[in-house]
Protein backbone atom coordinates (compact mmCIF):
# COMPACT_ATOMS: atom_id res chain seq x y z
CA MET A 1 14.74 -40.62 61.08
CA LYS A 2 12.02 -38.96 58.87
CA LYS A 3 14.24 -36.18 58.28
CA LEU A 4 17.08 -38.64 56.65
CA VAL A 5 14.52 -40.77 54.40
CA PHE A 6 13.41 -37.35 53.39
CA LEU A 7 16.65 -35.84 52.61
CA SER A 8 17.88 -39.12 50.84
CA ALA A 9 14.74 -39.12 48.72
CA LEU A 10 15.25 -35.62 47.80
CA ILE A 11 18.90 -36.22 47.03
CA LEU A 12 18.22 -39.27 44.96
CA GLY A 13 15.70 -37.42 42.93
CA LEU A 14 17.80 -34.39 42.03
CA LEU A 15 20.47 -36.99 41.08
CA SER A 16 17.88 -38.67 38.66
CA CYS A 17 16.76 -35.53 37.03
CA SER A 18 20.21 -34.60 36.30
CA SER A 19 21.03 -37.77 34.96
CA ALA A 20 17.78 -37.48 32.96
CA ASP A 21 18.90 -34.07 31.75
CA LYS A 22 22.34 -35.21 30.90
CA LYS A 23 20.97 -37.76 28.71
CA LYS A 24 18.50 -35.65 27.36
CA GLY A 25 21.15 -33.43 26.41
CA SER A 26 23.58 -35.77 24.82
CA GLU A 27 20.27 -37.28 22.43
CA ASN A 28 19.81 -33.84 21.38
CA LEU A 29 23.74 -32.78 20.85
CA ALA A 30 23.87 -35.85 18.56
CA VAL A 31 20.82 -34.76 16.87
CA ALA A 32 22.50 -31.25 16.32
CA LEU A 33 25.82 -32.71 15.04
CA LYS A 34 24.10 -35.00 12.73
CA TYR A 35 22.40 -32.20 11.48
CA MET A 36 25.06 -29.86 10.82
CA GLU A 37 26.61 -33.38 9.13
CA ALA A 38 23.87 -32.78 6.65
CA VAL A 39 23.92 -29.58 6.42
CA GLN A 40 27.81 -29.93 5.34
CA ASN A 41 26.71 -32.65 2.91
CA MET A 42 23.82 -31.21 1.80
CA ASP A 43 21.95 -34.07 2.30
CA ALA A 44 18.14 -32.69 2.37
CA ALA A 45 16.78 -35.88 3.11
CA THR A 46 17.90 -36.08 6.68
CA VAL A 47 18.04 -32.17 7.12
CA GLU A 48 14.15 -33.03 6.89
CA SER A 49 14.12 -36.55 8.80
CA LEU A 50 15.80 -34.36 12.16
CA LEU A 51 13.28 -31.01 12.04
CA ALA A 52 9.81 -31.47 13.24
CA ASP A 53 6.28 -31.41 11.39
CA ASN A 54 5.88 -27.98 13.40
CA TYR A 55 9.39 -26.51 12.66
CA MET A 56 10.04 -22.91 12.83
CA GLY A 57 13.35 -21.46 11.85
CA TYR A 58 14.14 -17.65 13.06
CA GLY A 59 16.88 -15.22 11.69
CA PRO A 60 19.08 -13.63 10.69
CA SER A 61 17.27 -10.74 10.27
CA VAL A 62 14.60 -9.70 13.19
CA GLY A 63 11.90 -10.40 10.92
CA ASP A 64 13.06 -13.90 9.29
CA SER A 65 10.76 -16.93 9.82
CA VAL A 66 10.61 -20.20 7.93
CA SER A 67 8.17 -23.57 8.20
CA LYS A 68 9.59 -26.82 7.79
CA GLU A 69 8.51 -26.91 4.20
CA VAL A 70 9.57 -23.74 3.40
CA ALA A 71 13.03 -24.49 4.86
CA VAL A 72 13.59 -27.84 3.15
CA ARG A 73 12.39 -26.18 -0.25
CA ASN A 74 14.83 -23.65 0.22
CA PHE A 75 17.67 -25.87 1.21
CA LYS A 76 16.78 -28.11 -1.51
CA TYR A 77 17.42 -25.42 -4.10
CA ASN A 78 20.39 -23.60 -2.82
CA ALA A 79 22.11 -27.33 -2.28
CA GLU A 80 21.51 -27.90 -5.93
CA ASN A 81 22.03 -24.45 -7.57
CA LEU A 82 23.73 -21.92 -5.42
CA TYR A 83 26.59 -23.60 -2.97
CA GLU A 84 29.09 -25.80 -3.94
CA SER A 85 30.24 -26.46 -0.44
CA PHE A 86 29.65 -25.77 3.23
CA GLU A 87 32.14 -26.39 5.70
CA TYR A 88 32.23 -26.54 9.33
CA THR A 89 35.91 -25.66 9.97
CA ARG A 90 35.65 -25.15 14.18
CA HIS A 91 32.21 -25.74 15.95
CA THR A 92 31.55 -26.23 19.67
CA GLU A 93 28.18 -27.05 20.92
CA ILE A 94 26.42 -27.37 24.67
CA ALA A 95 23.18 -28.79 25.68
CA VAL A 96 20.96 -27.04 28.51
CA THR A 97 17.58 -27.49 29.91
CA VAL A 98 16.04 -24.18 30.94
CA LYS A 99 13.58 -25.29 33.63
CA GLU A 100 11.33 -22.31 33.15
CA GLY A 101 10.35 -18.92 31.69
CA ASP A 102 9.83 -18.17 28.08
CA ALA A 103 12.78 -19.90 26.86
CA ALA A 104 11.48 -23.17 29.06
CA GLY A 105 12.52 -26.48 27.08
CA ASP A 106 15.87 -28.36 25.94
CA TRP A 107 18.39 -26.52 23.87
CA VAL A 108 21.66 -27.25 21.79
CA LEU A 109 23.76 -24.20 21.46
CA ASN A 110 26.01 -24.14 18.25
CA TRP A 111 28.93 -21.71 17.65
CA ALA A 112 30.61 -22.34 14.41
CA TYR A 113 33.19 -20.91 11.81
CA LEU A 114 31.58 -21.86 8.58
CA THR A 115 32.84 -21.53 4.76
CA ILE A 116 30.54 -21.58 2.14
CA LYS A 117 31.80 -21.93 -1.49
CA TYR A 118 29.35 -20.82 -4.25
CA LYS A 119 28.82 -22.92 -7.68
CA ASP A 120 29.17 -19.84 -9.49
CA GLY A 121 32.86 -18.98 -8.33
CA ARG A 122 31.99 -16.06 -5.63
CA GLY A 123 33.68 -16.16 -2.44
CA PRO A 124 34.61 -17.80 -0.47
CA VAL A 125 32.11 -16.62 2.43
CA ASN A 126 33.49 -17.15 5.97
CA LEU A 127 31.14 -16.75 8.63
CA TRP A 128 31.25 -16.87 12.10
CA VAL A 129 27.53 -18.27 12.65
CA ASN A 130 25.79 -18.91 16.20
CA ILE A 131 22.55 -21.16 15.95
CA VAL A 132 20.23 -22.02 19.01
CA TYR A 133 18.36 -25.37 18.29
CA ARG A 134 15.47 -26.11 20.49
CA PHE A 135 14.49 -29.69 20.91
CA GLU A 136 11.15 -31.53 21.63
CA ASN A 137 11.18 -35.53 21.27
CA GLY A 138 14.36 -35.97 20.00
CA LYS A 139 13.54 -33.21 16.97
CA ILE A 140 14.19 -29.53 16.08
CA VAL A 141 11.23 -27.79 16.48
CA ASN A 142 13.24 -24.30 16.50
CA SER A 143 16.23 -22.49 15.65
CA ARG A 144 17.48 -19.12 15.89
CA THR A 145 20.75 -18.16 13.57
CA PHE A 146 23.07 -15.05 13.73
CA TYR A 147 25.27 -14.21 11.94
CA ASN A 148 26.76 -10.89 10.08
CA GLU A 149 24.93 -10.39 7.02
CA ALA A 150 26.39 -7.33 6.41
CA ASP A 151 30.18 -9.12 6.31
CA ALA A 152 28.58 -11.98 4.08
CA LEU A 153 27.53 -9.44 1.40
CA ARG A 154 30.79 -7.93 1.70
CA GLN A 155 32.78 -10.98 1.19
CA LEU A 156 30.52 -11.38 -1.94
CA GLY A 157 31.74 -8.45 -3.31
CA TYR A 158 28.53 -5.99 -2.39
CA THR A 159 29.38 -2.24 -0.89
CA PHE A 160 27.16 -0.60 0.87
CA GLN A 161 26.06 3.29 0.99
CA SER A 162 24.23 5.54 2.99
CA PRO A 163 21.08 6.70 1.47
CA GLY A 164 22.23 10.22 3.12
CA LEU A 165 25.42 10.24 1.21
CA PRO A 166 26.03 11.35 -2.35
């Protein structure tokens, strides 16, 4: 009988954790989608409200990092002066909780096809983008962005030449 009570308690505990993780995942997913919508609508106030005060963003290059203050300032400037529009034409998201290790935490992974149009008529630039958001207390505390920078620049008319070639 003790084994049955213990087993029942264990199963209930596992189910409640799973349910709590699913609820938190759904909430984080909703925040990530709201963030994407704010970016698409160039709504800097909403972007700012969804980032934690200690937010740090990384990428796409290895050495790239930005604090919340700088990220919001850059976003406002680019929305006002550089970008005509952002459009997510296809995207998929998934919420996950990593229980241990260096990546422990609550995450939303986003795969998107993004089209960027520029105010000066350049582009558009079409990119496959992967952004990974980490959440704490319902806010985005960390993000890592991955896309092909060389492809974006090529679409804007830049050319590349090896420094060793004439």
